[in-house]
Protein backbone atom coordinates (compact mmCIF):
# COMPACT_ATOMS: atom_id res chain seq x y z
CA MET A 1 140.40 37.85 58.79
CA THR A 2 138.65 39.92 55.98
CA GLU A 3 138.89 43.60 56.88
CA LEU A 4 138.08 46.85 55.11
CA TYR A 5 140.02 49.97 55.47
CA ILE A 6 139.75 53.49 54.24
CA GLN A 7 142.59 56.11 53.93
CA ALA A 8 143.18 59.36 52.16
CA GLN A 9 144.83 58.81 48.81
CA GLY A 10 148.40 59.57 48.69
CA ALA A 11 149.42 59.25 52.37
CA GLY A 12 147.96 59.26 55.84
CA PRO A 13 146.76 56.68 58.43
CA ALA A 14 144.17 53.97 57.64
CA TRP A 15 141.15 53.22 59.54
CA GLN A 16 139.33 49.98 59.69
CA VAL A 17 135.50 50.44 58.69
CA TRP A 18 134.17 46.82 58.55
CA PRO A 19 133.69 44.41 60.43
CA VAL A 20 134.96 46.55 63.53
CA PRO A 21 134.90 50.23 62.71
CA ASP A 22 137.73 52.31 64.21
CA LEU A 23 136.96 55.65 65.66
CA ILE A 24 137.54 57.99 62.79
CA PRO A 25 138.77 61.65 64.09
CA PRO A 26 136.34 64.42 63.02
CA GLY A 27 137.57 65.93 59.74
CA ALA A 28 139.27 62.83 58.50
CA VAL A 29 136.91 62.02 55.91
CA ARG A 30 135.66 65.15 54.14
CA GLU A 31 134.33 66.77 50.81
CA GLY A 32 137.01 67.43 48.05
CA THR A 33 139.38 64.79 49.01
CA SER A 34 139.87 61.36 47.33
CA TYR A 35 140.02 58.08 49.50
CA LEU A 36 140.94 54.68 48.96
CA PHE A 37 139.12 51.65 50.30
CA GLU A 38 141.24 48.45 50.73
CA LEU A 39 139.79 45.02 51.36
CA ARG A 40 142.34 42.98 52.96
CA ASP A 41 142.73 38.98 53.44
CA SER A 42 139.98 38.11 51.15
CA ASP A 43 139.84 34.84 49.10
CA ASP A 44 137.39 36.40 46.78
CA ALA A 45 138.87 40.05 46.60
CA LEU A 46 138.52 39.87 42.73
CA ASN A 47 134.74 39.45 42.91
CA ALA A 48 134.09 41.96 45.68
CA ASP A 49 131.88 44.94 45.02
CA LEU A 50 131.65 48.27 46.96
CA LEU A 51 128.97 50.72 46.63
CA ILE A 52 128.68 54.26 48.14
CA ASP A 53 124.97 55.43 48.41
CA ASP A 54 124.02 53.36 45.71
CA VAL A 55 126.78 54.27 43.33
CA PRO A 56 129.49 51.59 42.59
CA ALA A 57 132.93 52.90 43.72
CA GLU A 58 135.62 53.25 41.16
CA ALA A 59 137.44 49.76 41.29
CA LEU A 60 141.37 49.81 41.05
CA ARG A 61 143.86 47.40 39.92
CA SER A 62 145.62 45.45 43.03
CA ARG A 63 149.00 43.60 42.67
CA GLN A 64 147.87 41.18 45.28
CA PRO A 65 145.11 38.54 44.48
CA ASN A 66 143.73 38.54 48.22
CA VAL A 67 143.39 42.58 48.13
CA ALA A 68 140.81 44.74 46.55
CA ARG A 69 141.02 48.44 46.11
CA TRP A 70 138.50 51.21 45.39
CA ARG A 71 138.69 54.93 44.88
CA TRP A 72 136.13 57.32 46.27
CA GLU A 73 135.61 60.81 46.10
CA PRO A 74 132.80 62.15 48.48
CA GLY A 75 131.70 64.96 46.28
CA PHE A 76 128.56 66.62 48.04
CA HIS A 77 128.24 63.71 50.26
CA ALA A 78 128.30 65.75 53.59
CA GLY A 79 126.79 63.87 56.62
CA VAL A 80 126.25 60.23 56.83
CA VAL A 81 126.62 57.87 53.67
CA GLU A 82 125.68 54.25 53.47
CA ALA A 83 128.14 51.78 52.14
CA VAL A 84 127.46 48.36 50.84
CA LEU A 85 130.16 45.72 50.64
CA ARG A 86 129.32 42.51 48.63
CA LEU A 87 131.42 39.42 49.31
CA PRO A 88 130.89 36.25 47.59
CA GLY A 89 130.40 33.38 50.45
CA ILE A 90 129.88 36.17 52.95
CA GLY A 91 126.96 38.16 51.59
CA THR A 92 126.08 41.92 51.67
CA ARG A 93 127.46 43.74 54.63
CA ARG A 94 126.31 47.46 55.31
CA PHE A 95 128.02 50.33 57.27
CA GLU A 96 127.93 54.19 57.52
CA ILE A 97 130.61 56.72 57.16
CA THR A 98 130.26 60.30 58.35
CA THR A 99 131.92 62.90 56.15
CA ASP A 100 132.66 66.50 57.07
CA PRO A 101 131.40 69.40 54.70
CA ASP A 102 134.18 71.01 52.57
CA LEU A 103 134.37 74.86 52.92
CA ARG A 104 133.48 75.20 49.18
CA LYS A 105 130.12 73.61 49.73
CA LEU A 106 127.07 73.46 52.15
CA THR A 107 126.07 70.63 54.27
CA ARG A 108 123.37 67.92 54.46
CA ASP A 109 121.06 70.02 56.40
CA ASP A 110 120.93 72.61 53.48
CA PHE A 111 119.79 69.82 51.20
CA ASP A 112 116.91 69.08 53.68
CA THR A 113 116.10 72.47 53.93
CA MET A 114 115.89 72.98 50.33
CA VAL A 115 113.53 69.92 49.73
CA ARG A 116 111.33 71.45 52.50
CA GLU A 117 111.12 74.79 50.84
CA VAL A 118 110.57 73.55 47.33
CA LEU A 119 107.69 71.59 48.76
CA GLU A 120 106.37 74.47 50.90
CA ASP A 121 106.80 76.95 47.92
CA THR A 122 105.09 74.35 45.47
CA PHE A 123 102.02 74.38 47.89
CA ALA A 124 101.85 78.06 48.06
CA LEU A 125 102.13 78.61 44.39
CA PHE A 126 99.71 75.95 43.63
CA SER A 127 97.01 77.41 45.81
CA LEU A 128 97.33 80.33 43.54
CA SER A 129 96.93 78.53 40.25
CA ALA A 130 93.65 77.73 38.50
CA PHE A 131 93.49 74.17 39.63
CA ARG A 132 92.07 75.20 43.02
CA LYS A 133 92.66 71.90 44.92
CA SER A 134 94.76 70.41 47.67
CA ILE A 135 97.73 67.99 47.00
CA ALA A 136 96.54 64.81 48.84
CA ARG A 137 98.83 62.34 50.26
CA GLN A 138 100.55 59.99 47.87
CA PRO A 139 99.12 56.40 48.05
CA GLY A 140 101.67 53.88 48.77
CA ASN A 141 101.39 52.27 45.38
CA LYS A 142 103.89 54.44 43.74
CA PRO A 143 107.54 54.86 44.41
CA PRO A 144 108.49 58.28 45.88
CA PRO A 145 111.18 60.29 44.03
CA LEU A 146 114.61 59.97 45.58
CA ALA A 147 114.73 63.44 47.13
CA ARG A 148 111.63 62.78 49.01
CA LEU A 149 113.03 59.66 50.24
CA GLU A 150 116.10 61.47 51.35
CA PHE A 151 114.15 64.05 52.94
CA LEU A 152 111.84 61.60 54.94
CA ARG A 153 114.92 59.59 55.92
CA SER A 154 116.46 62.43 57.68
CA ARG A 155 113.29 63.60 59.36
CA VAL A 156 112.97 60.10 61.01
CA GLU A 157 116.16 60.64 62.77
CA GLU A 158 114.82 64.05 64.10
CA ILE A 159 111.58 62.45 64.97
CA ALA A 160 113.68 59.86 67.21
CA GLU A 161 115.22 62.32 69.06
CA ALA A 162 111.87 64.39 69.47
CA ILE A 163 110.16 61.29 70.95
CA ALA A 164 113.29 60.72 73.28
CA ALA A 165 113.34 64.48 74.48
CA ILE A 166 109.55 64.07 75.16
CA ALA A 167 110.02 60.63 76.92
CA ARG A 168 112.32 62.48 79.60
CA SER A 169 109.56 64.56 80.90
CA PRO A 170 106.11 63.62 79.28
CA ARG A 171 103.00 65.53 80.20
CA HIS A 172 100.53 63.64 82.31
CA PHE A 173 97.25 64.14 84.36
CA LEU A 174 95.55 62.77 87.31
CA ARG A 175 92.75 60.28 86.08
CA SER A 176 89.87 59.47 88.36
CA GLU A 177 88.86 55.71 87.94
CA GLU A 178 86.59 53.33 89.96
CA VAL A 179 87.98 50.14 91.35
CA THR A 180 85.80 47.42 92.81
CA VAL A 181 87.81 45.29 95.55
CA PRO A 182 86.82 42.81 98.36
CA THR A 183 85.64 44.31 101.58
CA HIS A 184 88.81 43.29 103.36
CA ARG A 185 90.96 45.00 100.98
CA ALA A 186 89.01 48.33 101.14
CA THR A 187 90.78 49.70 104.15
CA ARG A 188 90.57 53.29 103.18
CA ALA A 189 86.96 53.44 101.90
CA THR A 190 84.95 56.48 102.86
CA GLY A 191 81.40 56.37 103.89
CA PRO A 192 79.87 57.60 100.74
CA GLU A 193 81.73 54.81 98.89
CA ILE A 194 80.39 52.12 101.30
CA ILE A 195 76.88 53.43 101.11
CA LYS A 196 77.06 53.44 97.05
CA SER A 197 78.31 49.83 97.27
CA PHE A 198 75.09 48.67 99.02
CA ARG A 199 73.01 49.52 95.73
CA SER A 200 74.70 46.42 93.92
CA GLY A 201 76.13 43.27 94.58
CA VAL A 202 76.07 40.90 97.58
CA VAL A 203 75.44 42.38 101.10
CA ARG A 204 76.76 40.41 103.92
CA THR A 205 75.66 40.32 107.50
CA GLU A 206 78.03 40.28 110.52
CA THR A 207 77.75 37.05 112.95
CA VAL A 208 80.03 37.95 115.47
CA ARG A 209 78.99 39.59 118.79
CA PRO A 210 79.61 42.49 119.85
CA SER A 211 79.63 43.75 116.31
CA ARG A 212 82.86 45.78 115.31
CA LEU A 213 81.07 47.59 112.56
CA PRO A 214 79.76 51.35 113.15
CA ALA A 215 76.07 51.24 114.56
CA ALA A 216 74.79 53.05 111.51
CA LEU A 217 75.54 49.94 109.27
CA LYS A 218 73.58 47.79 111.65
CA GLY A 219 75.83 44.74 111.12
CA ARG A 220 75.79 44.84 107.33
CA LEU A 221 78.57 45.26 104.82
CA PRO A 222 78.74 44.80 101.10
CA ALA A 223 80.77 42.01 99.99
CA GLN A 224 82.68 44.22 97.45
CA ILE A 225 83.37 47.95 97.60
CA THR A 226 83.85 50.40 94.66
CA LEU A 227 86.60 52.76 95.45
CA ARG A 228 87.26 55.97 93.51
CA GLN A 229 91.18 56.34 92.91
CA SER A 230 93.19 58.90 91.09
CA ARG A 231 96.47 57.99 89.28
CA ASN A 232 98.99 59.51 86.81
CA SER A 233 98.16 58.82 83.16
CA LEU A 234 100.01 59.67 80.17
CA ASP A 235 97.04 58.86 77.83
CA ILE A 236 96.33 62.64 76.83
CA GLN A 237 95.16 63.67 73.45
CA GLU A 238 98.26 64.87 72.27
CA HIS A 239 100.14 61.71 72.76
CA ARG A 240 97.44 59.55 71.19
CA GLN A 241 97.79 61.75 68.10
CA ILE A 242 101.62 61.41 68.12
CA LYS A 243 101.34 57.51 68.38
CA ALA A 244 98.80 57.47 65.46
CA CYS A 245 101.08 59.39 63.33
CA LEU A 246 103.90 57.17 64.09
CA LYS A 247 101.73 54.32 63.14
CA SER A 248 100.52 56.00 59.90
CA TRP A 249 103.85 56.85 58.61
CA SER A 250 105.27 53.19 59.33
CA ALA A 251 102.58 51.70 57.34
CA TRP A 252 103.15 54.20 54.58
CA LEU A 253 106.64 53.44 54.28
CA GLU A 254 105.85 49.52 54.47
CA SER A 255 103.85 49.84 51.57
CA VAL A 256 106.30 51.96 49.73
CA ALA A 257 109.06 49.40 50.41
CA GLU A 258 106.89 46.58 48.84
CA VAL A 259 106.39 48.83 45.80
CA LEU A 260 110.17 49.39 45.50
CA ALA A 261 110.92 45.84 45.90
CA LYS A 262 108.61 44.83 43.15
CA SER A 263 109.42 47.65 40.91
CA ASP A 264 110.19 46.71 37.25
CA THR A 265 113.80 47.92 36.75
CA SER A 266 115.18 45.16 34.75
CA TYR A 267 116.21 47.48 31.92
CA ASP A 268 118.71 49.40 34.14
CA PRO A 269 120.93 47.75 36.61
CA ASP A 270 121.66 50.94 38.32
CA VAL A 271 118.19 51.72 39.10
CA ARG A 272 117.46 48.13 40.10
CA THR A 273 120.24 48.44 42.70
CA THR A 274 119.04 51.90 43.84
CA ALA A 275 115.41 50.49 44.18
CA SER A 276 116.63 47.47 46.12
CA ASN A 277 118.65 49.59 48.59
CA TRP A 278 115.89 52.07 49.19
CA ALA A 279 113.49 49.15 49.91
CA LEU A 280 115.55 48.06 52.58
CA ARG A 281 116.30 51.47 54.01
CA THR A 282 112.49 52.26 53.81
CA ARG A 283 111.76 49.02 55.66
CA LYS A 284 114.09 49.80 58.33
CA ILE A 285 112.73 53.28 58.88
CA ALA A 286 109.12 51.93 59.07
CA ARG A 287 110.27 49.30 61.88
CA ARG A 288 111.82 52.09 63.66
CA LEU A 289 108.86 54.35 63.65
CA ASN A 290 106.77 51.33 64.55
CA ALA A 291 108.98 50.42 67.41
CA LEU A 292 108.69 54.32 68.56
CA SER A 293 104.92 53.99 68.74
CA GLY A 294 105.01 51.26 71.17
CA SER A 295 107.97 51.62 73.27
CA GLY A 296 108.42 53.71 76.65
CA PHE A 297 105.47 55.88 77.66
CA MET A 298 103.83 55.34 74.31
CA ALA A 299 102.78 51.83 75.35
CA ASN A 300 100.29 53.19 77.79
CA VAL A 301 98.76 55.63 75.41
CA GLY A 302 95.56 54.83 73.53
CA GLU A 303 94.40 55.14 69.94
CA GLY A 304 93.46 58.44 68.27
CA PRO A 305 93.74 60.46 64.85
CA ALA A 306 96.68 60.33 62.63
CA GLN A 307 96.77 64.15 62.66
CA LEU A 308 98.05 66.83 65.15
CA ARG A 309 95.72 69.61 66.30
CA MET A 310 97.44 72.73 67.40
CA THR A 311 96.80 72.84 70.95
CA SER A 312 98.27 74.83 73.80
CA LEU A 313 100.72 72.06 74.53
CA PHE A 314 102.12 71.88 70.92
CA ARG A 315 102.12 75.86 70.85
CA ASN A 316 104.03 76.49 74.15
CA ASP A 317 106.08 73.42 75.10
CA PRO A 318 109.24 73.80 72.95
CA VAL A 319 109.63 69.74 73.20
CA TYR A 320 106.20 69.06 71.71
CA GLN A 321 106.55 72.22 69.32
CA ARG A 322 109.50 70.44 67.74
CA PHE A 323 107.60 67.16 67.08
CA TYR A 324 104.73 69.40 65.43
CA ARG A 325 107.33 70.94 62.91
CA LEU A 326 108.48 67.62 62.11
CA TRP A 327 104.89 66.50 61.59
CA GLN A 328 104.54 69.45 59.20
CA ASP A 329 107.72 68.17 57.56
CA MET A 330 106.47 64.71 57.16
CA ASN A 331 103.40 65.81 55.54
CA LEU A 332 105.51 67.74 52.94
CA GLY A 333 107.32 64.51 52.32
CA LEU A 334 104.24 62.37 51.90
CA ALA A 335 102.34 64.71 49.64
CA ALA A 336 101.83 63.40 45.93
CA LEU A 337 104.48 65.86 44.43
CA PHE A 338 106.66 64.62 41.58
CA GLY A 339 109.07 66.16 39.25
CA ASP A 340 112.30 65.15 37.39
CA PHE A 341 114.07 67.54 39.81
CA LEU A 342 113.07 65.28 42.87
CA GLN A 343 114.66 62.13 41.11
CA MET A 344 118.11 62.90 42.28
CA PRO A 345 120.55 61.67 44.88
CA LEU A 346 122.37 63.82 47.52
CA ALA A 347 125.25 64.12 45.21
CA ARG A 348 123.42 66.32 42.65
CA THR A 349 122.31 68.91 45.15
CA TYR A 350 123.42 71.52 42.65
CA GLU A 351 120.62 70.62 40.27
CA LEU A 352 117.96 71.04 43.34
CA TYR A 353 119.64 74.49 43.99
CA GLU A 354 118.70 75.68 40.67
CA LEU A 355 115.12 74.88 40.91
CA TRP A 356 115.01 76.11 44.60
CA CYS A 357 116.28 79.33 43.54
CA PHE A 358 113.50 79.79 40.70
CA LEU A 359 110.69 78.64 43.14
CA ARG A 360 111.86 80.87 45.97
CA LEU A 361 112.27 84.00 43.63
CA LEU A 362 108.69 83.10 41.93
CA ARG A 363 106.95 83.22 45.36
CA ALA A 364 108.83 86.41 46.27
CA ALA A 365 107.56 87.89 42.87
CA VAL A 366 104.00 86.89 43.78
CA GLU A 367 104.51 88.88 47.13
CA VAL A 368 106.12 91.92 45.65
CA TYR A 369 104.20 92.40 42.41
CA GLY A 370 100.90 90.70 43.63
CA PRO A 371 99.12 87.60 42.47
CA SER A 372 96.93 89.35 39.89
CA GLY A 373 98.08 88.45 36.25
CA VAL A 374 100.24 85.36 37.70
CA ASP A 375 99.62 82.47 35.16
CA LEU A 376 101.08 79.06 36.64
CA SER A 377 99.49 76.80 33.96
CA SER A 378 102.90 75.95 32.62
CA LEU A 379 104.47 74.99 36.01
CA PHE A 380 102.05 72.18 37.10
CA ILE A 381 100.81 68.98 35.77
CA THR A 382 97.96 67.44 37.54
CA THR A 383 96.71 63.77 37.33
CA ALA A 384 93.35 62.26 37.92
CA GLU A 385 94.87 60.66 41.23
CA GLY A 386 95.48 63.97 42.56
CA SER A 387 99.16 63.96 42.29
CA VAL A 388 101.22 67.04 41.04
CA THR A 389 104.33 67.16 38.80
CA ILE A 390 106.40 70.35 38.38
CA ALA A 391 107.56 71.06 34.83
CA ALA A 392 111.10 71.87 35.78
CA GLY A 393 112.32 72.73 32.32
CA ALA A 394 111.79 75.60 29.93
CA VAL A 395 109.11 77.28 32.14
CA VAL A 396 107.95 80.75 31.44
CA VAL A 397 105.65 82.18 34.19
CA PRO A 398 103.78 85.51 33.73
CA ILE A 399 103.89 87.51 36.96
CA GLY A 400 101.81 90.61 35.82
CA ALA A 401 101.39 92.99 33.01
CA GLY A 402 104.54 92.66 30.75
CA LYS A 403 106.48 90.67 33.35
CA GLU A 404 107.64 87.01 33.39
CA LEU A 405 110.09 84.83 35.32
CA CYS A 406 111.65 81.96 33.23
CA PHE A 407 113.43 78.89 34.38
CA GLN A 408 115.91 77.22 32.06
CA ARG A 409 114.62 79.02 29.01
CA LYS A 410 116.35 78.13 25.79
CA TYR A 411 117.65 81.11 23.54
CA SER A 412 118.54 79.84 20.09
CA GLU A 413 120.40 82.00 17.33
CA TYR A 414 118.62 85.34 17.11
CA TRP A 415 118.02 84.87 13.35
CA ILE A 416 116.00 81.63 14.29
CA GLU A 417 114.05 83.27 17.12
CA SER A 418 110.49 84.72 16.00
CA ASP A 419 111.05 87.92 18.07
CA GLY A 420 114.76 88.29 16.98
CA GLU A 421 116.07 87.90 20.60
CA GLY A 422 118.60 85.18 20.95
CA SER A 423 122.26 84.37 20.99
CA PHE A 424 124.76 85.37 18.24
CA SER A 425 126.96 82.36 18.72
CA ARG A 426 125.25 79.19 20.11
CA SER A 427 121.92 78.04 21.96
CA MET A 428 122.28 79.27 25.61
CA ILE A 429 119.92 78.09 28.51
CA PRO A 430 120.42 80.38 31.64
CA ASP A 431 118.95 79.07 34.84
CA ILE A 432 116.75 82.08 35.68
CA VAL A 433 115.56 85.11 33.59
CA LEU A 434 113.41 87.88 34.85
CA ALA A 435 112.26 90.07 32.01
CA GLY A 436 109.56 92.57 31.10
CA THR A 437 108.56 96.03 31.61
CA GLY A 438 107.10 97.68 34.71
CA LEU A 439 110.04 96.31 36.75
CA ASP A 440 110.94 100.00 37.64
CA SER A 441 109.37 103.36 37.03
CA SER A 442 110.37 103.49 33.48
CA PRO A 443 108.35 101.77 30.60
CA GLU A 444 111.85 100.36 29.42
CA ARG A 445 112.24 96.68 28.92
CA HIS A 446 114.79 94.89 31.14
CA VAL A 447 116.31 91.40 31.02
CA ILE A 448 117.99 90.24 34.10
CA VAL A 449 119.83 86.94 34.04
CA LEU A 450 120.43 84.96 37.09
CA ASP A 451 122.81 81.98 37.24
CA ALA A 452 122.38 79.62 40.22
CA LYS A 453 125.66 78.11 41.41
CA TYR A 454 125.72 75.82 44.59
CA ARG A 455 129.23 77.05 45.50
CA ILE A 456 130.96 79.33 47.98
CA ASN A 457 134.25 80.92 48.52
CA SER A 458 136.89 80.42 45.83
CA GLY A 459 134.53 78.05 43.80
CA LEU A 460 132.65 81.39 42.50
CA ASN A 461 135.64 82.47 40.63
CA GLU A 462 135.09 79.85 38.11
CA ALA A 463 131.58 80.71 37.75
CA LEU A 464 131.97 83.98 36.41
CA ASN A 465 132.37 82.91 32.90
CA SER A 466 128.82 82.13 32.73
CA ILE A 467 127.32 85.22 33.49
CA HIS A 468 129.82 87.09 31.54
CA THR A 469 128.85 84.79 28.42
CA TYR A 470 125.05 85.46 28.87
CA ARG A 471 125.51 89.35 29.37
CA ASP A 472 127.60 89.56 26.09
CA ALA A 473 126.08 86.94 23.72
CA LEU A 474 122.43 87.46 24.24
CA VAL A 475 121.29 90.12 21.74
CA GLN A 476 118.26 91.31 19.70
CA GLU A 477 118.01 92.47 16.03
CA THR A 478 116.25 95.79 15.64
CA SER A 479 114.14 96.92 12.86
CA ASN A 480 116.86 98.42 10.87
CA GLY A 481 119.03 95.37 11.03
CA GLN A 482 121.14 96.60 13.69
CA ILE A 483 122.37 94.25 16.81
CA LYS A 484 122.07 95.37 20.35
CA GLY A 485 122.50 93.59 23.81
CA VAL A 486 119.42 92.77 25.41
CA VAL A 487 120.74 91.71 28.94
CA THR A 488 120.36 94.61 31.51
CA ALA A 489 122.30 92.84 34.42
CA ALA A 490 123.64 89.51 35.11
CA TYR A 491 124.16 87.97 38.51
CA LEU A 492 125.03 84.85 40.23
CA LEU A 493 122.92 83.26 42.88
CA THR A 494 124.78 81.61 45.54
CA PRO A 495 124.75 80.48 49.16
CA HIS A 496 127.94 82.35 49.85
CA VAL A 497 128.12 84.65 52.97
CA PRO A 498 130.51 87.42 51.84
CA THR A 499 132.84 89.70 53.68
CA LEU A 500 132.60 93.38 52.69
CA ASN A 501 135.06 96.32 52.84
CA LYS A 502 133.77 99.82 52.70
CA ASP A 503 134.93 100.31 49.07
CA PHE A 504 134.46 97.46 46.57
CA ARG A 505 138.02 98.21 45.00
CA THR A 506 139.60 96.96 48.14
CA THR A 507 137.25 94.04 48.66
CA PRO A 508 138.80 90.64 47.44
CA VAL A 509 136.94 88.45 45.06
CA PRO A 510 134.49 86.77 45.64
CA GLY A 511 133.25 89.25 48.20
CA ARG A 512 133.66 92.17 45.76
CA LEU A 513 130.81 90.52 43.45
CA PHE A 514 128.50 91.11 46.42
CA HIS A 515 129.21 94.69 47.25
CA PRO A 516 126.18 97.00 46.56
CA GLN A 517 128.38 99.75 44.81
CA TYR A 518 129.88 97.10 42.55
CA ARG A 519 126.47 95.57 41.50
CA LYS A 520 124.94 98.98 40.76
CA LYS A 521 127.88 100.49 38.95
CA PHE A 522 128.59 97.13 36.47
CA ARG A 523 125.03 95.76 36.86
CA PHE A 524 127.08 92.43 37.39
CA GLY A 525 128.07 90.44 40.43
CA ALA A 526 126.54 87.84 42.75
CA VAL A 527 123.47 87.79 45.14
CA LYS A 528 123.11 85.71 48.47
CA LEU A 529 120.45 83.16 48.35
CA ARG A 530 120.75 80.66 51.01
CA PRO A 531 118.56 77.89 52.27
CA GLY A 532 116.58 78.94 55.46
CA MET A 533 115.98 82.62 54.34
CA SER A 534 112.64 84.08 55.57
CA GLN A 535 110.08 85.25 53.17
CA SER A 536 110.63 88.99 54.03
CA GLU A 537 114.50 88.47 53.20
CA LEU A 538 113.62 86.65 49.82
CA ASN A 539 111.52 89.80 49.17
CA ASP A 540 113.94 92.20 49.81
CA CYS A 541 116.65 90.10 47.70
CA LEU A 542 114.37 90.44 44.80
CA LYS A 543 113.91 94.08 45.18
CA SER A 544 117.66 94.58 45.60
CA ILE A 545 118.21 92.67 42.41
CA VAL A 546 115.71 94.71 40.57
CA GLU A 547 116.86 98.01 41.90
CA ASP A 548 120.51 97.29 41.05
CA ALA A 549 119.66 96.30 37.62
CA THR A 550 117.37 99.34 36.74
CA SER A 551 119.14 102.13 38.70
């Protein structure tokens, strides 16, 4: 029987992952380790293919003709990854593997948080731009970027859990309704109900003597009696809105799946494979949302608008409040927002972190220095259809008189640059640069270089070379031909949470880089910038960077 196994490269136990998966212990598959997949007892082992999240695994040579082997390094894949095994004569088989995060990196949740906050910051900054228009929902005739699809995919699992939590104790109310029944079934009819029923329908006269009816009825009784009954109903406004949202999302994802399946990717087989796999995933997600809208208590809920209104139920009930937050997330993922930075899989989270840091700090700069003088024309590109593309390269955003925040600005050799400010060795592109006058009380011009590194713990030690290089190599030629350094301070931006001693001299690296004494003394070090930080924390972070660099 053909079977597929996984084991750590070198030694260790092997676990079957297909066709009947074994229960893999937590921590057995994790980041930063190399693993081997081995397909056993297959007559077409040489023609078998294995893909991990749309990326072909590295094929290895096997000494046995009925065995195929692949090597896989999870990299940034923390969470659930999808594997695709293609076997001639059997077809395509899909299965999932759960990986645990390596201590040097962050988790899948942080990827989702960064995508959400990139979209939120984009909306907030776009509202300050000269365009003065909203970003409408993307029509289903254009494939969304990969990061948005990854984000929507993770939100659907949360939505299913939120619906299940609501189903355990849904809100309901007593609904009053009128039911018309034959006389012999109206055993609990009241006097007013009987009298009201005389007004319509057939009235029958009793022929039996003596009469069994009350004397006031004079031997007459309606053939049918309309009763007023009360029953529990789940058909409340909030449930109708939730059901409509589920159907709307399902329809949108179905249309996106059709676009992905028909997209012209013949020029690139890797892109074609990615589009095909995402078409299958998107259809699967759409079917799941559609099933949620018609199962359980939702089956007894009517139609409503596909938009949630903030009511006391969404505001005060934690279960319904959770779905409201997910609805907000889905709106971000469905918005017509594009950009090269969003065309990346989970494995390139470090690139997303760079742009995330820039947008977070740009929004904080607007809060700290005020919106006056902020020019976002170089950041956004709009289309006639209402979609927005972020220009995520070589962006310079003025943030007030004499101040600017730059993303991936290129510094060529100083003798080439028109202002004489550049590198004395080679072209350099730091991630973020905060430059200008007015950063402190003095009129002096400051240049603060910030290098975003999606690393923690010992991985930060290797990242120090970049900020050393930026601080030393960026110079400016003065009017008398002299060369002077222009970088006031250089810091790493990282999600690392440091442990600090009282004195920076006794604090080991990388914690020493974060110590306030160390940063002020050398105008060099690292600053924590972690997904999920509040706006006030971001503002304080920017203020501390400027204070350390200019004190």
